[in-house]
Amino acid sequence: MNRTSPRVLVGHGTENDFVVLPDPDGSVWPGHRLDGALVRRLCDRRAGLGGDGVLRVVRSVHVPDAADVLGADLARCEWFMDHRNADGSTAEMCGNGIRLFVHVLVSEGLLDRATCEAGVLVGTRGGPRRVGATPNGDYWVDMGPAREFGTGKAEVSRQVFSGLAVSMGNPHLACLTDAEIDTLDLTGTPSFDSALFPDGVNVELINVLEAGAHVRLRVVERGVGETRSCGTGACAAGYAALVADGRTEGTVQVDVPGGRLSVEVTSGTTVLTGPAVLVSAGVLCPEWLAG
């Protein structure tokens, strides 16, 4: 095996899995090399490594559009989560992905965990996000405020669901329903109001287990399909559950197929807490890269 081939990691946050490409200096995976076709090949679960997306670990100064999305915070964000969906499109933000991103920084020796416990700013296309480590090995993320921008409907599994339109830096339609979500077929692409969601939408289907405190969630992510977990989706679901209970603040436990997340909603922000796990590390073989 050619040890000079690009290093690659695979990991997940509550089973929302990613191919992670360490590229601190921006020289291994510049934009013209990490194109949509290569991202799709990496995420292919039969012919590639498999994942819900790709996370490129790179310093912000090496990302051409970082200044546009971070503005005055560019100098405060040493690291940028260059996140691509499995279909090759760029993504603004991912709560599971950014926890894994910071876990990789710590594991690779690029960030001291003790420093991380106090919280560090990470650049994303959804803006800067503060991420920190917890004493028990989990990670928390300040996801920013949940912002309502209307109500809408989506057709999923031949049923129409109404929900709350919520922005977490990316768009969500959080649908509380009495339908047993485990019985739904989420293999297709949901239909939705393109006027309300011109850039597409992540659709959350939510069963309330305890009003304003505990929910179960399945999610169909734009550009990916159903995933085992979605961090921004969990935040949108937690916020919608609180609103349905007549509140806009509180802590909601969110059970996803891949595990459990905690969502704390305050008047100014939303904090997501959960695990991050590295599964494997290796290199990409030249014969695959040449394919």
Protein backbone atom coordinates (compact mmCIF):
# COMPACT_ATOMS: atom_id res chain seq x y z
CA MET A 1 0.00 0.00 0.00
CA ASN A 2 1.25 3.47 -0.88
CA ARG A 3 1.62 5.28 2.43
CA THR A 4 1.87 8.63 0.64
CA SER A 5 -1.76 8.29 -0.47
CA PRO A 6 -4.25 10.63 1.22
CA ARG A 7 -5.23 9.72 4.78
CA VAL A 8 -8.88 9.16 5.48
CA LEU A 9 -10.96 8.58 8.63
CA VAL A 10 -14.48 7.24 9.14
CA GLY A 11 -16.62 8.13 12.14
CA HIS A 12 -20.09 8.99 13.33
CA GLY A 13 -22.22 10.97 15.76
CA THR A 14 -25.20 8.85 16.88
CA GLU A 15 -24.66 6.82 13.68
CA ASN A 16 -24.84 9.84 11.37
CA ASP A 17 -21.64 8.75 9.60
CA PHE A 18 -19.01 10.64 7.67
CA VAL A 19 -15.87 10.19 5.63
CA VAL A 20 -13.35 12.59 7.20
CA LEU A 21 -10.45 14.01 5.18
CA PRO A 22 -7.62 15.52 7.24
CA ASP A 23 -6.26 18.47 5.24
CA PRO A 24 -4.96 21.06 7.73
CA ASP A 25 -3.01 23.10 5.19
CA GLY A 26 -5.48 22.79 2.33
CA SER A 27 -2.97 21.13 0.02
CA VAL A 28 -4.36 17.58 -0.17
CA TRP A 29 -7.99 18.28 -1.08
CA PRO A 30 -8.28 21.68 -2.78
CA GLY A 31 -11.71 22.52 -4.13
CA HIS A 32 -10.99 21.50 -7.70
CA ARG A 33 -9.98 18.01 -6.53
CA LEU A 34 -12.75 17.44 -4.00
CA ASP A 35 -15.54 17.86 -6.50
CA GLY A 36 -19.07 16.50 -6.37
CA ALA A 37 -18.21 13.34 -8.28
CA LEU A 38 -15.44 12.39 -5.84
CA VAL A 39 -17.66 13.11 -2.83
CA ARG A 40 -20.33 10.82 -4.25
CA ARG A 41 -17.73 8.08 -4.79
CA LEU A 42 -16.41 8.41 -1.24
CA CYS A 43 -19.94 8.19 0.22
CA ASP A 44 -20.96 5.21 -1.94
CA ARG A 45 -21.61 2.34 0.47
CA ARG A 46 -20.70 -0.32 -2.09
CA ALA A 47 -17.91 1.15 -4.22
CA GLY A 48 -16.52 3.68 -1.74
CA LEU A 49 -16.13 4.05 2.01
CA GLY A 50 -19.75 4.90 2.68
CA GLY A 51 -21.18 7.82 4.60
CA ASP A 52 -23.92 10.40 4.91
CA GLY A 53 -21.39 13.04 3.93
CA VAL A 54 -17.77 14.17 3.80
CA LEU A 55 -16.02 16.43 6.33
CA ARG A 56 -12.79 18.07 5.23
CA VAL A 57 -10.70 19.16 8.22
CA VAL A 58 -8.96 22.35 7.06
CA ARG A 59 -7.85 25.71 8.41
CA SER A 60 -10.24 28.51 7.52
CA VAL A 61 -7.57 30.53 5.71
CA HIS A 62 -7.39 27.79 3.07
CA VAL A 63 -11.13 27.82 2.26
CA PRO A 64 -11.94 30.34 -0.52
CA ASP A 65 -15.48 31.12 0.64
CA ALA A 66 -14.72 31.14 4.40
CA ALA A 67 -14.36 34.92 4.54
CA ASP A 68 -17.77 35.36 2.92
CA VAL A 69 -19.60 33.19 5.47
CA LEU A 70 -17.56 34.06 8.58
CA GLY A 71 -17.00 37.79 8.05
CA ALA A 72 -15.40 39.44 11.08
CA ASP A 73 -15.18 36.04 12.83
CA LEU A 74 -12.73 34.62 10.27
CA ALA A 75 -9.69 35.37 12.44
CA ARG A 76 -11.36 33.71 15.46
CA CYS A 77 -12.09 30.46 13.60
CA GLU A 78 -8.80 28.66 13.01
CA TRP A 79 -10.63 25.58 11.71
CA PHE A 80 -13.35 25.24 9.08
CA MET A 81 -15.71 22.29 8.65
CA ASP A 82 -15.86 21.92 4.87
CA HIS A 83 -18.99 19.76 4.80
CA ARG A 84 -20.42 18.04 1.72
CA ASN A 85 -23.64 16.05 1.48
CA ALA A 86 -23.52 12.53 0.06
CA ASP A 87 -24.82 13.84 -3.29
CA GLY A 88 -21.79 16.12 -3.59
CA SER A 89 -23.53 19.38 -2.67
CA THR A 90 -22.14 21.69 0.00
CA ALA A 91 -23.95 21.88 3.34
CA GLU A 92 -24.22 24.77 5.78
CA MET A 93 -24.14 22.99 9.11
CA CYS A 94 -24.40 19.59 10.80
CA GLY A 95 -24.60 19.15 14.57
CA ASN A 96 -23.46 15.52 14.49
CA GLY A 97 -20.75 16.28 11.97
CA ILE A 98 -19.25 19.18 13.88
CA ARG A 99 -18.96 17.10 17.06
CA LEU A 100 -17.08 14.47 15.06
CA PHE A 101 -15.03 17.23 13.42
CA VAL A 102 -13.78 18.52 16.79
CA HIS A 103 -13.22 14.96 18.04
CA VAL A 104 -10.94 14.46 15.03
CA LEU A 105 -9.05 17.67 15.82
CA VAL A 106 -8.43 16.35 19.34
CA SER A 107 -7.55 12.83 18.19
CA GLU A 108 -5.16 14.14 15.52
CA GLY A 109 -3.36 16.34 18.05
CA LEU A 110 -4.48 19.53 16.33
CA LEU A 111 -6.47 20.72 19.34
CA ASP A 112 -5.90 20.19 23.05
CA ARG A 113 -8.91 18.57 24.74
CA ALA A 114 -8.48 20.70 27.87
CA THR A 115 -8.69 23.79 25.69
CA CYS A 116 -11.71 22.29 23.96
CA GLU A 117 -13.60 21.91 27.25
CA ALA A 118 -13.84 25.68 27.45
CA GLY A 119 -15.23 25.78 23.89
CA VAL A 120 -13.62 26.68 20.58
CA LEU A 121 -15.03 28.45 17.54
CA VAL A 122 -15.29 26.42 14.35
CA GLY A 123 -16.15 27.91 10.99
CA THR A 124 -19.04 26.47 8.95
CA ARG A 125 -21.01 27.67 5.96
CA GLY A 126 -23.80 28.33 8.44
CA GLY A 127 -21.51 30.72 10.33
CA PRO A 128 -19.21 30.24 13.34
CA ARG A 129 -20.18 27.61 15.92
CA ARG A 130 -18.78 27.13 19.41
CA VAL A 131 -18.04 23.49 20.26
CA GLY A 132 -16.80 22.04 23.54
CA ALA A 133 -15.93 18.75 25.22
CA THR A 134 -17.78 17.37 28.23
CA PRO A 135 -16.11 15.51 31.14
CA ASN A 136 -17.79 12.22 30.13
CA GLY A 137 -16.31 12.23 26.62
CA ASP A 138 -19.25 13.77 24.74
CA TYR A 139 -19.26 17.08 22.90
CA TRP A 140 -21.62 20.04 23.02
CA VAL A 141 -22.33 22.49 20.22
CA ASP A 142 -23.80 25.98 20.43
CA MET A 143 -26.04 25.70 17.40
CA GLY A 144 -27.34 29.27 17.48
CA PRO A 145 -30.98 30.24 17.86
CA ALA A 146 -33.82 28.26 16.35
CA ARG A 147 -35.68 30.62 14.04
CA GLU A 148 -39.27 30.00 12.96
CA PHE A 149 -40.16 31.13 9.46
CA GLY A 150 -43.66 29.80 8.95
CA THR A 151 -45.55 26.54 8.69
CA GLY A 152 -45.63 24.06 5.85
CA LYS A 153 -46.49 20.57 4.70
CA ALA A 154 -44.57 17.64 3.29
CA GLU A 155 -45.78 14.43 1.70
CA VAL A 156 -43.93 11.42 3.05
CA SER A 157 -44.84 7.74 2.72
CA ARG A 158 -48.04 8.80 0.88
CA GLN A 159 -49.15 10.84 3.86
CA VAL A 160 -49.22 14.60 4.30
CA PHE A 161 -47.62 15.99 7.46
CA SER A 162 -47.90 19.56 8.73
CA GLY A 163 -44.96 21.11 10.52
CA LEU A 164 -43.11 24.14 11.79
CA ALA A 165 -40.52 25.68 9.45
CA VAL A 166 -37.34 26.16 11.52
CA SER A 167 -33.92 27.44 10.50
CA MET A 168 -30.86 26.14 12.32
CA GLY A 169 -28.56 27.69 9.75
CA ASN A 170 -30.17 25.19 7.38
CA PRO A 171 -33.90 24.68 6.70
CA HIS A 172 -36.14 22.19 8.52
CA LEU A 173 -39.78 21.20 8.56
CA ALA A 174 -40.44 19.73 12.02
CA CYS A 175 -43.64 17.67 11.94
CA LEU A 176 -45.17 16.44 15.20
CA THR A 177 -47.41 13.50 14.45
CA ASP A 178 -49.45 10.79 16.14
CA ALA A 179 -48.55 8.39 13.32
CA GLU A 180 -46.13 5.71 14.50
CA ILE A 181 -42.95 6.92 12.83
CA ASP A 182 -41.33 3.47 12.82
CA THR A 183 -44.01 2.28 10.38
CA LEU A 184 -43.26 4.94 7.75
CA ASP A 185 -41.38 4.22 4.52
CA LEU A 186 -38.82 7.03 4.18
CA THR A 187 -36.99 5.69 1.15
CA GLY A 188 -38.44 8.24 -1.26
CA THR A 189 -37.89 11.97 -1.59
CA PRO A 190 -40.49 14.04 0.29
CA SER A 191 -42.49 16.60 -1.64
CA PHE A 192 -42.68 20.06 -0.06
CA ASP A 193 -43.50 23.71 -0.69
CA SER A 194 -40.62 24.93 -2.85
CA ALA A 195 -41.69 28.55 -2.33
CA LEU A 196 -41.15 28.17 1.42
CA PHE A 197 -38.03 26.03 0.96
CA PRO A 198 -36.33 27.18 -2.27
CA ASP A 199 -33.06 25.44 -1.36
CA GLY A 200 -34.69 22.21 -0.22
CA VAL A 201 -35.50 21.10 3.32
CA ASN A 202 -34.76 18.48 5.95
CA VAL A 203 -38.02 16.85 7.04
CA GLU A 204 -38.40 15.69 10.66
CA LEU A 205 -41.14 13.27 11.73
CA ILE A 206 -41.60 13.42 15.49
CA ASN A 207 -43.48 11.38 18.09
CA VAL A 208 -43.85 13.10 21.47
CA LEU A 209 -43.09 10.74 24.38
CA GLU A 210 -43.32 13.38 27.10
CA ALA A 211 -44.69 16.82 26.32
CA GLY A 212 -41.90 19.36 26.00
CA ALA A 213 -39.30 16.94 27.39
CA HIS A 214 -38.79 13.77 25.33
CA VAL A 215 -39.38 12.92 21.67
CA ARG A 216 -38.56 10.26 19.09
CA LEU A 217 -37.34 11.39 15.69
CA ARG A 218 -36.78 10.15 12.17
CA VAL A 219 -35.41 12.53 9.55
CA VAL A 220 -35.01 12.72 5.80
CA GLU A 221 -32.07 14.99 4.98
CA ARG A 222 -31.92 16.91 1.73
CA GLY A 223 -29.25 15.56 -0.57
CA VAL A 224 -28.88 12.39 1.52
CA GLY A 225 -32.18 10.65 2.32
CA GLU A 226 -33.02 9.15 5.69
CA THR A 227 -30.12 9.19 8.13
CA ARG A 228 -29.67 7.52 11.49
CA SER A 229 -29.42 10.93 13.13
CA CYS A 230 -29.38 14.65 12.31
CA GLY A 231 -28.07 17.18 14.82
CA THR A 232 -29.73 20.26 13.35
CA GLY A 233 -32.87 18.17 12.89
CA ALA A 234 -32.81 17.17 16.56
CA CYS A 235 -32.59 20.86 17.49
CA ALA A 236 -35.53 21.72 15.23
CA ALA A 237 -37.50 18.81 16.69
CA GLY A 238 -36.72 19.86 20.26
CA TYR A 239 -37.75 23.42 19.53
CA ALA A 240 -40.99 22.32 17.85
CA ALA A 241 -41.82 20.08 20.82
CA LEU A 242 -41.38 22.98 23.22
CA VAL A 243 -43.53 25.28 21.07
CA ALA A 244 -46.26 22.64 21.00
CA ASP A 245 -46.11 22.61 24.81
CA GLY A 246 -46.52 26.40 24.93
CA ARG A 247 -42.86 27.13 25.67
CA THR A 248 -39.80 28.39 23.81
CA GLU A 249 -37.19 27.35 26.41
CA GLY A 250 -36.28 24.05 28.02
CA THR A 251 -34.32 20.82 27.56
CA VAL A 252 -35.60 18.00 25.38
CA GLN A 253 -34.19 14.48 25.09
CA VAL A 254 -34.28 13.41 21.44
CA ASP A 255 -34.14 9.71 20.59
CA VAL A 256 -32.96 9.01 17.05
CA PRO A 257 -32.35 5.60 15.43
CA GLY A 258 -28.65 6.00 16.18
CA GLY A 259 -28.89 6.94 19.84
CA ARG A 260 -29.86 9.85 22.08
CA LEU A 261 -29.15 13.56 21.92
CA SER A 262 -29.88 16.36 24.36
CA VAL A 263 -31.21 19.70 23.10
CA GLU A 264 -31.25 22.74 25.39
CA VAL A 265 -33.19 25.70 24.01
CA THR A 266 -32.79 29.14 25.61
CA SER A 267 -33.93 32.62 24.64
CA GLY A 268 -30.69 33.22 22.75
CA THR A 269 -29.41 29.90 21.45
CA THR A 270 -29.69 26.12 21.21
CA VAL A 271 -27.11 23.69 22.63
CA LEU A 272 -26.83 20.15 21.29
CA THR A 273 -24.94 17.50 23.29
CA GLY A 274 -24.05 13.98 22.25
CA PRO A 275 -21.28 11.49 21.42
CA ALA A 276 -18.73 11.37 18.59
CA VAL A 277 -16.91 8.17 17.60
CA LEU A 278 -14.01 7.42 15.26
CA VAL A 279 -14.37 3.99 13.63
CA SER A 280 -11.35 3.58 11.36
CA ALA A 281 -8.32 5.26 9.82
CA GLY A 282 -6.32 4.46 6.71
CA VAL A 283 -5.35 5.69 3.26
CA LEU A 284 -7.09 5.85 -0.09
CA CYS A 285 -5.48 3.43 -2.55
CA PRO A 286 -4.11 4.88 -5.81
CA GLU A 287 -6.10 2.35 -7.85
CA TRP A 288 -9.36 3.63 -6.32
CA LEU A 289 -8.38 7.27 -6.76
CA ALA A 290 -7.60 6.62 -10.41
CA GLY A 291 -10.95 4.93 -11.01
